[in-house]
C-alpha atoms as a PDB file:
ATOM      1  CA  MET A   1       0.000   0.000   0.000  1.00  0.00           C
ATOM      2  CA  ASN A   2       2.868   2.363   0.786  1.00  0.00           C
ATOM      3  CA  TYR A   3       4.171   1.916  -2.761  1.00  0.00           C
ATOM      4  CA  LEU A   4       0.835   3.000  -4.180  1.00  0.00           C
ATOM      5  CA  ILE A   5       0.722   6.100  -1.987  1.00  0.00           C
ATOM      6  CA  ASN A   6       4.324   7.018  -2.863  1.00  0.00           C
ATOM      7  CA  ALA A   7       3.636   6.483  -6.576  1.00  0.00           C
ATOM      8  CA  SER A   8       0.557   8.710  -6.213  1.00  0.00           C
ATOM      9  CA  PHE A   9       2.719  11.538  -4.862  1.00  0.00           C
ATOM     10  CA  ILE A  10       5.090  11.147  -7.821  1.00  0.00           C
ATOM     11  CA  VAL A  11       2.218  11.249 -10.337  1.00  0.00           C
ATOM     12  CA  LEU A  12       0.569  14.165  -8.505  1.00  0.00           C
ATOM     13  CA  ALA A  13       3.782  16.211  -8.620  1.00  0.00           C
ATOM     14  CA  TYR A  14       4.441  15.319 -12.266  1.00  0.00           C
ATOM     15  CA  VAL A  15       0.938  16.277 -13.416  1.00  0.00           C
ATOM     16  CA  GLY A  16       0.900  19.311 -11.143  1.00  0.00           C
ATOM     17  CA  MET A  17       4.115  20.549 -12.734  1.00  0.00           C
ATOM     18  CA  GLU A  18       2.358  20.822 -16.088  1.00  0.00           C
ATOM     19  CA  ALA A  19      -0.097  23.282 -14.525  1.00  0.00           C
ATOM     20  CA  VAL A  20       2.712  25.132 -12.704  1.00  0.00           C
ATOM     21  CA  ALA A  21       4.817  25.280 -15.890  1.00  0.00           C
ATOM     22  CA  TRP A  22       1.859  26.570 -17.936  1.00  0.00           C
ATOM     23  CA  LEU A  23       1.051  29.302 -15.415  1.00  0.00           C
ATOM     24  CA  LEU A  24       4.676  30.366 -14.958  1.00  0.00           C
ATOM     25  CA  HIS A  25       5.331  30.325 -18.695  1.00  0.00           C
ATOM     26  CA  LYS A  26       2.348  32.553 -19.500  1.00  0.00           C
ATOM     27  CA  TYR A  27       2.226  34.850 -16.474  1.00  0.00           C
ATOM     28  CA  VAL A  28       5.875  35.039 -15.378  1.00  0.00           C
ATOM     29  CA  MET A  29       8.157  34.210 -18.319  1.00  0.00           C
ATOM     30  CA  HIS A  30       6.052  36.181 -20.791  1.00  0.00           C
ATOM     31  CA  THR A  31       5.642  39.146 -18.438  1.00  0.00           C
ATOM     32  CA  PHE A  32       8.055  40.404 -15.772  1.00  0.00           C
ATOM     33  CA  LEU A  33      10.790  37.778 -16.421  1.00  0.00           C
ATOM     34  CA  TRP A  34      10.629  38.224 -20.187  1.00  0.00           C
ATOM     35  CA  TYR A  35      14.242  39.484 -20.175  1.00  0.00           C
ATOM     36  CA  LEU A  36      15.310  35.934 -19.193  1.00  0.00           C
ATOM     37  CA  HIS A  37      12.912  34.135 -21.545  1.00  0.00           C
ATOM     38  CA  GLU A  38      13.156  36.435 -24.581  1.00  0.00           C
ATOM     39  CA  ASP A  39      16.306  34.855 -26.040  1.00  0.00           C
ATOM     40  CA  HIS A  40      14.362  31.595 -26.354  1.00  0.00           C
ATOM     41  CA  HIS A  41      12.100  33.384 -28.861  1.00  0.00           C
ATOM     42  CA  VAL A  42      14.934  34.953 -30.849  1.00  0.00           C
ATOM     43  CA  PRO A  43      16.624  32.761 -33.480  1.00  0.00           C
ATOM     44  CA  HIS A  44      20.294  32.217 -32.568  1.00  0.00           C
ATOM     45  CA  ASN A  45      23.165  29.738 -32.716  1.00  0.00           C
ATOM     46  CA  LYS A  46      24.141  29.889 -29.032  1.00  0.00           C
ATOM     47  CA  LYS A  47      24.541  26.646 -27.099  1.00  0.00           C
ATOM     48  CA  TYR A  48      22.936  28.123 -23.969  1.00  0.00           C
ATOM     49  CA  GLU A  49      20.154  30.638 -23.466  1.00  0.00           C
ATOM     50  CA  LYS A  50      19.320  32.888 -20.527  1.00  0.00           C
ATOM     51  CA  ASN A  51      16.074  30.921 -20.574  1.00  0.00           C
ATOM     52  CA  ASP A  52      18.030  27.872 -19.327  1.00  0.00           C
ATOM     53  CA  PHE A  53      18.139  29.610 -15.935  1.00  0.00           C
ATOM     54  CA  PHE A  54      14.585  28.403 -15.380  1.00  0.00           C
ATOM     55  CA  ALA A  55      15.852  24.809 -15.160  1.00  0.00           C
ATOM     56  CA  LEU A  56      17.704  25.856 -12.006  1.00  0.00           C
ATOM     57  CA  VAL A  57      14.608  27.586 -10.682  1.00  0.00           C
ATOM     58  CA  PHE A  58      12.597  24.367 -11.040  1.00  0.00           C
ATOM     59  CA  GLY A  59      15.501  22.218  -9.825  1.00  0.00           C
ATOM     60  CA  ILE A  60      15.818  23.942  -6.453  1.00  0.00           C
ATOM     61  CA  PRO A  61      12.399  22.985  -5.032  1.00  0.00           C
ATOM     62  CA  SER A  62      12.834  19.458  -6.388  1.00  0.00           C
ATOM     63  CA  TRP A  63      16.197  19.093  -4.675  1.00  0.00           C
ATOM     64  CA  LEU A  64      14.937  20.601  -1.418  1.00  0.00           C
ATOM     65  CA  LEU A  65      11.869  18.361  -1.354  1.00  0.00           C
ATOM     66  CA  MET A  66      13.985  15.261  -1.941  1.00  0.00           C
ATOM     67  CA  MET A  67      16.608  16.301   0.608  1.00  0.00           C
ATOM     68  CA  PHE A  68      14.095  17.090   3.357  1.00  0.00           C
ATOM     69  CA  GLY A  69      12.041  14.016   2.466  1.00  0.00           C
ATOM     70  CA  ILE A  70      15.086  11.768   2.887  1.00  0.00           C
ATOM     71  CA  MET A  71      16.074  13.540   6.107  1.00  0.00           C
ATOM     72  CA  ALA A  72      12.565  12.821   7.469  1.00  0.00           C
ATOM     73  CA  GLY A  73      12.779   9.109   6.704  1.00  0.00           C
ATOM     74  CA  ASN A  74      11.612   9.093   3.088  1.00  0.00           C
ATOM     75  CA  ASP A  75       8.325  10.900   3.623  1.00  0.00           C
ATOM     76  CA  PHE A  76       5.991  12.304   0.954  1.00  0.00           C
ATOM     77  CA  ARG A  77       8.351  15.195   0.118  1.00  0.00           C
ATOM     78  CA  LEU A  78      10.855  12.762  -1.386  1.00  0.00           C
ATOM     79  CA  TYR A  79       8.229  11.501  -3.804  1.00  0.00           C
ATOM     80  CA  LEU A  80       7.007  14.984  -4.696  1.00  0.00           C
ATOM     81  CA  GLY A  81      10.626  15.898  -5.485  1.00  0.00           C
ATOM     82  CA  ILE A  82      10.980  12.788  -7.636  1.00  0.00           C
ATOM     83  CA  GLY A  83       7.849  13.763  -9.581  1.00  0.00           C
ATOM     84  CA  ILE A  84       9.191  17.264 -10.215  1.00  0.00           C
ATOM     85  CA  THR A  85      12.545  15.813 -11.289  1.00  0.00           C
ATOM     86  CA  LEU A  86      10.844  13.410 -13.711  1.00  0.00           C
ATOM     87  CA  TYR A  87       8.945  16.365 -15.186  1.00  0.00           C
ATOM     88  CA  GLY A  88      12.284  18.152 -15.633  1.00  0.00           C
ATOM     89  CA  VAL A  89      13.740  15.130 -17.423  1.00  0.00           C
ATOM     90  CA  SER A  90      10.640  15.011 -19.654  1.00  0.00           C
ATOM     91  CA  TYR A  91      11.035  18.714 -20.352  1.00  0.00           C
ATOM     92  CA  ALA A  92      14.675  18.286 -21.381  1.00  0.00           C
ATOM     93  CA  LEU A  93      13.897  15.340 -23.661  1.00  0.00           C
ATOM     94  CA  ILE A  94      10.757  16.806 -25.213  1.00  0.00           C
ATOM     95  CA  HIS A  95      11.373  20.556 -25.298  1.00  0.00           C
ATOM     96  CA  ASP A  96      15.123  20.623 -25.825  1.00  0.00           C
ATOM     97  CA  GLY A  97      15.206  17.312 -27.693  1.00  0.00           C
ATOM     98  CA  LEU A  98      12.130  16.662 -29.815  1.00  0.00           C
ATOM     99  CA  ILE A  99      11.086  20.272 -30.390  1.00  0.00           C
ATOM    100  CA  HIS A 100      14.239  22.407 -30.561  1.00  0.00           C
ATOM    101  CA  GLN A 101      16.770  19.621 -31.289  1.00  0.00           C
ATOM    102  CA  ARG A 102      19.284  20.944 -28.754  1.00  0.00           C
ATOM    103  CA  ILE A 103      19.737  17.286 -27.825  1.00  0.00           C
ATOM    104  CA  LYS A 104      19.273  14.704 -30.533  1.00  0.00           C
ATOM    105  CA  VAL A 105      16.357  12.515 -29.395  1.00  0.00           C
ATOM    106  CA  PHE A 106      13.069  11.620 -31.066  1.00  0.00           C
ATOM    107  CA  THR A 107      14.449  12.842 -34.394  1.00  0.00           C
ATOM    108  CA  HIS A 108      12.418  10.367 -36.465  1.00  0.00           C
ATOM    109  CA  THR A 109       9.362   9.768 -34.305  1.00  0.00           C
ATOM    110  CA  LYS A 110       6.022   8.856 -35.792  1.00  0.00           C
ATOM    111  CA  ASN A 111       4.226   9.009 -32.433  1.00  0.00           C
ATOM    112  CA  LYS A 112       1.036  11.052 -32.940  1.00  0.00           C
ATOM    113  CA  TRP A 113       1.112  12.602 -29.461  1.00  0.00           C
ATOM    114  CA  LEU A 114       4.771  13.680 -29.771  1.00  0.00           C
ATOM    115  CA  LEU A 115       4.147  15.126 -33.238  1.00  0.00           C
ATOM    116  CA  ALA A 116       1.042  16.993 -32.001  1.00  0.00           C
ATOM    117  CA  LEU A 117       3.045  18.278 -29.060  1.00  0.00           C
ATOM    118  CA  LYS A 118       5.753  19.513 -31.420  1.00  0.00           C
ATOM    119  CA  ARG A 119       3.177  21.272 -33.639  1.00  0.00           C
ATOM    120  CA  CYS A 120       1.638  22.867 -30.552  1.00  0.00           C
ATOM    121  CA  HIS A 121       4.967  24.221 -29.322  1.00  0.00           C
ATOM    122  CA  LEU A 122       6.001  25.398 -32.769  1.00  0.00           C
ATOM    123  CA  ALA A 123       2.705  27.322 -32.879  1.00  0.00           C
ATOM    124  CA  HIS A 124       3.942  29.036 -29.701  1.00  0.00           C
ATOM    125  CA  HIS A 125       7.025  30.153 -31.654  1.00  0.00           C
ATOM    126  CA  MET A 126       5.138  30.890 -34.882  1.00  0.00           C
ATOM    127  CA  HIS A 127       5.602  34.686 -34.672  1.00  0.00           C
ATOM    128  CA  ASP A 128       9.217  34.690 -33.424  1.00  0.00           C
ATOM    129  CA  LYS A 129      10.759  35.790 -36.742  1.00  0.00           C
ATOM    130  CA  ASP A 130       8.077  38.398 -37.405  1.00  0.00           C
ATOM    131  CA  PRO A 131       9.624  41.907 -37.210  1.00  0.00           C
ATOM    132  CA  ASN A 132       6.447  43.074 -35.439  1.00  0.00           C
ATOM    133  CA  TYR A 133       6.602  40.190 -32.922  1.00  0.00           C
ATOM    134  CA  LYS A 134       4.383  40.637 -29.885  1.00  0.00           C
ATOM    135  CA  LYS A 135       4.663  38.077 -27.110  1.00  0.00           C
ATOM    136  CA  GLU A 136       0.941  38.569 -26.476  1.00  0.00           C
ATOM    137  CA  ASP A 137       0.253  36.761 -29.787  1.00  0.00           C
ATOM    138  CA  ASP A 138       1.795  33.510 -28.529  1.00  0.00           C
ATOM    139  CA  VAL A 139      -0.342  30.422 -27.853  1.00  0.00           C
ATOM    140  CA  CYS A 140       0.222  27.017 -26.194  1.00  0.00           C
ATOM    141  CA  TYR A 141       2.107  27.629 -22.960  1.00  0.00           C
ATOM    142  CA  GLY A 142       2.260  24.082 -21.613  1.00  0.00           C
ATOM    143  CA  MET A 143       4.593  21.249 -22.512  1.00  0.00           C
ATOM    144  CA  LEU A 144       2.732  17.953 -22.248  1.00  0.00           C
ATOM    145  CA  TRP A 145      -0.927  18.875 -22.646  1.00  0.00           C
ATOM    146  CA  VAL A 146      -1.864  19.189 -26.305  1.00  0.00           C
ATOM    147  CA  PRO A 147      -5.174  20.665 -27.516  1.00  0.00           C
ATOM    148  CA  LEU A 148      -6.994  18.260 -29.848  1.00  0.00           C
ATOM    149  CA  SER A 149      -6.692  20.672 -32.775  1.00  0.00           C
ATOM    150  CA  TYR A 150      -2.933  19.915 -32.972  1.00  0.00           C
ATOM    151  CA  PHE A 151      -3.655  16.215 -33.442  1.00  0.00           C
ATOM    152  CA  LYS A 152      -6.040  16.987 -36.295  1.00  0.00           C
ATOM    153  CA  LYS A 153      -3.527  19.208 -38.091  1.00  0.00           C
ATOM    154  CA  GLY A 154      -1.201  16.230 -38.572  1.00  0.00           C
ATOM    155  CA  GLU A 155      -3.752  13.886 -40.089  1.00  0.00           C
END
């Protein structure tokens, strides 16, 4: 039974991170922390972006939760931290791998969900090269949740 409860905390944190990421992306990264996120929307050949700083921001609570969870005898905080970490790994593989090809994974996928996810995120970047770019015109702020319309576009 303990395994089921611990797994539930991992899943809860993982799914919850999609909501947290969506909210932070739209209302923090695209507003008052735009100066850190902006270089992600500007075409470049740099290996690193200021936007990569956000990985540290998300890594700190994950690390703290795991550390304090272990210190308390492997309580629920450990499993919440694991869920956040797994979301971070998913983000690196999907966002930096599949979508932006900063790491070479999923280069030849035929998976409908991954392809819809890629279309969704590319729609978020659709106006990036426009000289009259306005961040307010962006859509699709999440990473794993894909509106059905992006599945239909690939059929």
